[in-house]
Amino acid sequence: MANLKIKLVKSLNGRLDKHIATARSLGLRKIGGETVQPDNPQTRGKIAQIRYLISVTEE
């Protein structure tokens, strides 16, 4: 199964509470923080919601 490497590139300060919660659910806390998540519809939905805050690469 494929994985996605997700990196937080913009600050969460001043963002919608829903978007902050989504970033936290992906394991992203600080700018530059990275996490590896499985490539599935749930993860893709979270990525779509906060795509302006993150960068995604496939592993």
N, C-alpha and C. Protein backbone atom coordinates (compact mmCIF):
# COMPACT_ATOMS: atom_id res chain seq x y z
N MET A 1 0.84 -1.18 0.00
CA MET A 1 0.00 0.00 0.00
C MET A 1 0.89 1.25 0.00
N ALA A 2 0.49 2.23 -0.77
CA ALA A 2 1.26 3.47 -0.89
C ALA A 2 1.08 4.36 0.34
N ASN A 3 2.09 5.17 0.59
CA ASN A 3 2.04 6.12 1.68
C ASN A 3 2.25 7.52 1.14
N LEU A 4 1.80 8.52 1.90
CA LEU A 4 1.98 9.92 1.55
C LEU A 4 2.78 10.61 2.65
N LYS A 5 3.78 11.38 2.25
CA LYS A 5 4.54 12.19 3.21
C LYS A 5 3.93 13.59 3.17
N ILE A 6 3.47 14.05 4.32
CA ILE A 6 2.78 15.33 4.41
C ILE A 6 3.61 16.26 5.29
N LYS A 7 3.84 17.48 4.81
CA LYS A 7 4.64 18.45 5.54
C LYS A 7 3.85 19.74 5.71
N LEU A 8 3.82 20.27 6.93
CA LEU A 8 3.15 21.54 7.20
C LEU A 8 4.09 22.68 6.81
N VAL A 9 3.67 23.51 5.84
CA VAL A 9 4.52 24.57 5.34
C VAL A 9 4.04 25.97 5.72
N LYS A 10 2.82 26.09 6.22
CA LYS A 10 2.29 27.37 6.66
C LYS A 10 1.77 27.25 8.08
N SER A 11 1.74 28.37 8.78
CA SER A 11 1.33 28.41 10.17
C SER A 11 -0.17 28.11 10.33
N LEU A 12 -0.51 27.56 11.49
CA LEU A 12 -1.91 27.30 11.83
C LEU A 12 -2.54 28.48 12.55
N ASN A 13 -1.75 29.50 12.89
CA ASN A 13 -2.28 30.67 13.60
C ASN A 13 -3.33 31.38 12.75
N GLY A 14 -4.47 31.67 13.36
CA GLY A 14 -5.52 32.42 12.69
C GLY A 14 -6.35 31.61 11.71
N ARG A 15 -6.14 30.31 11.64
CA ARG A 15 -6.90 29.47 10.70
C ARG A 15 -8.21 29.04 11.35
N LEU A 16 -9.10 28.52 10.55
CA LEU A 16 -10.37 28.00 11.07
C LEU A 16 -10.09 26.85 12.03
N ASP A 17 -10.90 26.77 13.09
CA ASP A 17 -10.73 25.70 14.08
C ASP A 17 -10.81 24.32 13.43
N LYS A 18 -11.67 24.20 12.44
CA LYS A 18 -11.84 22.93 11.74
C LYS A 18 -10.56 22.53 11.01
N HIS A 19 -9.87 23.50 10.43
CA HIS A 19 -8.64 23.22 9.70
C HIS A 19 -7.50 22.89 10.66
N ILE A 20 -7.46 23.57 11.80
CA ILE A 20 -6.45 23.25 12.81
C ILE A 20 -6.66 21.82 13.31
N ALA A 21 -7.90 21.44 13.55
CA ALA A 21 -8.21 20.09 14.02
C ALA A 21 -7.81 19.05 12.98
N THR A 22 -8.02 19.37 11.71
CA THR A 22 -7.64 18.44 10.64
C THR A 22 -6.12 18.26 10.60
N ALA A 23 -5.38 19.34 10.72
CA ALA A 23 -3.91 19.25 10.73
C ALA A 23 -3.44 18.42 11.92
N ARG A 24 -4.03 18.64 13.07
CA ARG A 24 -3.67 17.88 14.27
C ARG A 24 -3.99 16.38 14.09
N SER A 25 -5.11 16.09 13.44
CA SER A 25 -5.48 14.68 13.24
C SER A 25 -4.51 13.97 12.30
N LEU A 26 -3.82 14.75 11.45
CA LEU A 26 -2.79 14.19 10.58
C LEU A 26 -1.44 14.10 11.29
N GLY A 27 -1.36 14.64 12.51
CA GLY A 27 -0.12 14.58 13.27
C GLY A 27 0.80 15.77 13.02
N LEU A 28 0.25 16.85 12.50
CA LEU A 28 1.04 18.04 12.20
C LEU A 28 0.87 19.07 13.31
N ARG A 29 1.98 19.49 13.92
CA ARG A 29 1.92 20.42 15.04
C ARG A 29 2.62 21.74 14.74
N LYS A 30 3.83 21.67 14.18
CA LYS A 30 4.64 22.85 13.94
C LYS A 30 4.98 22.98 12.45
N ILE A 31 5.33 24.18 12.03
CA ILE A 31 5.79 24.39 10.66
C ILE A 31 7.03 23.53 10.45
N GLY A 32 7.08 22.83 9.34
CA GLY A 32 8.20 21.94 9.04
C GLY A 32 7.97 20.53 9.54
N GLY A 33 6.93 20.32 10.32
CA GLY A 33 6.62 18.98 10.82
C GLY A 33 6.17 18.08 9.68
N GLU A 34 6.63 16.84 9.72
CA GLU A 34 6.28 15.87 8.67
C GLU A 34 5.65 14.64 9.29
N THR A 35 4.80 14.01 8.53
CA THR A 35 4.18 12.76 8.95
C THR A 35 3.97 11.89 7.71
N VAL A 36 3.93 10.60 7.92
CA VAL A 36 3.65 9.66 6.84
C VAL A 36 2.30 9.02 7.12
N GLN A 37 1.41 9.12 6.16
CA GLN A 37 0.05 8.60 6.31
C GLN A 37 -0.26 7.65 5.15
N PRO A 38 -1.16 6.68 5.38
CA PRO A 38 -1.55 5.79 4.29
C PRO A 38 -2.35 6.55 3.23
N ASP A 39 -2.21 6.13 1.99
CA ASP A 39 -2.94 6.76 0.89
C ASP A 39 -4.31 6.09 0.78
N ASN A 40 -5.31 6.70 1.42
CA ASN A 40 -6.67 6.19 1.37
C ASN A 40 -7.64 7.36 1.25
N PRO A 41 -8.92 7.10 1.01
CA PRO A 41 -9.87 8.21 0.82
C PRO A 41 -9.99 9.14 2.03
N GLN A 42 -9.85 8.60 3.24
CA GLN A 42 -9.95 9.44 4.43
C GLN A 42 -8.81 10.45 4.48
N THR A 43 -7.59 9.97 4.23
CA THR A 43 -6.44 10.86 4.24
C THR A 43 -6.53 11.87 3.11
N ARG A 44 -6.95 11.43 1.93
CA ARG A 44 -7.09 12.34 0.78
C ARG A 44 -8.10 13.44 1.08
N GLY A 45 -9.17 13.13 1.80
CA GLY A 45 -10.17 14.13 2.17
C GLY A 45 -9.60 15.17 3.11
N LYS A 46 -8.80 14.73 4.07
CA LYS A 46 -8.15 15.67 5.01
C LYS A 46 -7.17 16.57 4.26
N ILE A 47 -6.42 15.98 3.35
CA ILE A 47 -5.46 16.75 2.56
C ILE A 47 -6.18 17.79 1.71
N ALA A 48 -7.31 17.43 1.13
CA ALA A 48 -8.06 18.36 0.29
C ALA A 48 -8.55 19.55 1.10
N GLN A 49 -8.90 19.32 2.36
CA GLN A 49 -9.43 20.40 3.19
C GLN A 49 -8.35 21.43 3.55
N ILE A 50 -7.12 20.98 3.77
CA ILE A 50 -6.07 21.92 4.20
C ILE A 50 -4.92 21.98 3.18
N ARG A 51 -5.22 21.80 1.92
CA ARG A 51 -4.19 21.76 0.88
C ARG A 51 -3.37 23.04 0.80
N TYR A 52 -3.93 24.17 1.23
CA TYR A 52 -3.20 25.45 1.18
C TYR A 52 -2.17 25.58 2.31
N LEU A 53 -2.16 24.65 3.27
CA LEU A 53 -1.24 24.71 4.40
C LEU A 53 -0.11 23.70 4.30
N ILE A 54 -0.21 22.73 3.41
CA ILE A 54 0.69 21.59 3.40
C ILE A 54 1.30 21.34 2.03
N SER A 55 2.35 20.50 2.03
CA SER A 55 2.87 19.95 0.78
C SER A 55 2.85 18.44 0.93
N VAL A 56 2.55 17.75 -0.16
CA VAL A 56 2.38 16.31 -0.14
C VAL A 56 3.28 15.67 -1.18
N THR A 57 3.99 14.61 -0.79
CA THR A 57 4.76 13.82 -1.74
C THR A 57 4.42 12.35 -1.52
N GLU A 58 4.48 11.59 -2.59
CA GLU A 58 4.20 10.16 -2.50
C GLU A 58 5.47 9.40 -2.20
N GLU A 59 5.34 8.38 -1.37
CA GLU A 59 6.48 7.54 -1.04
C GLU A 59 6.40 6.22 -1.76
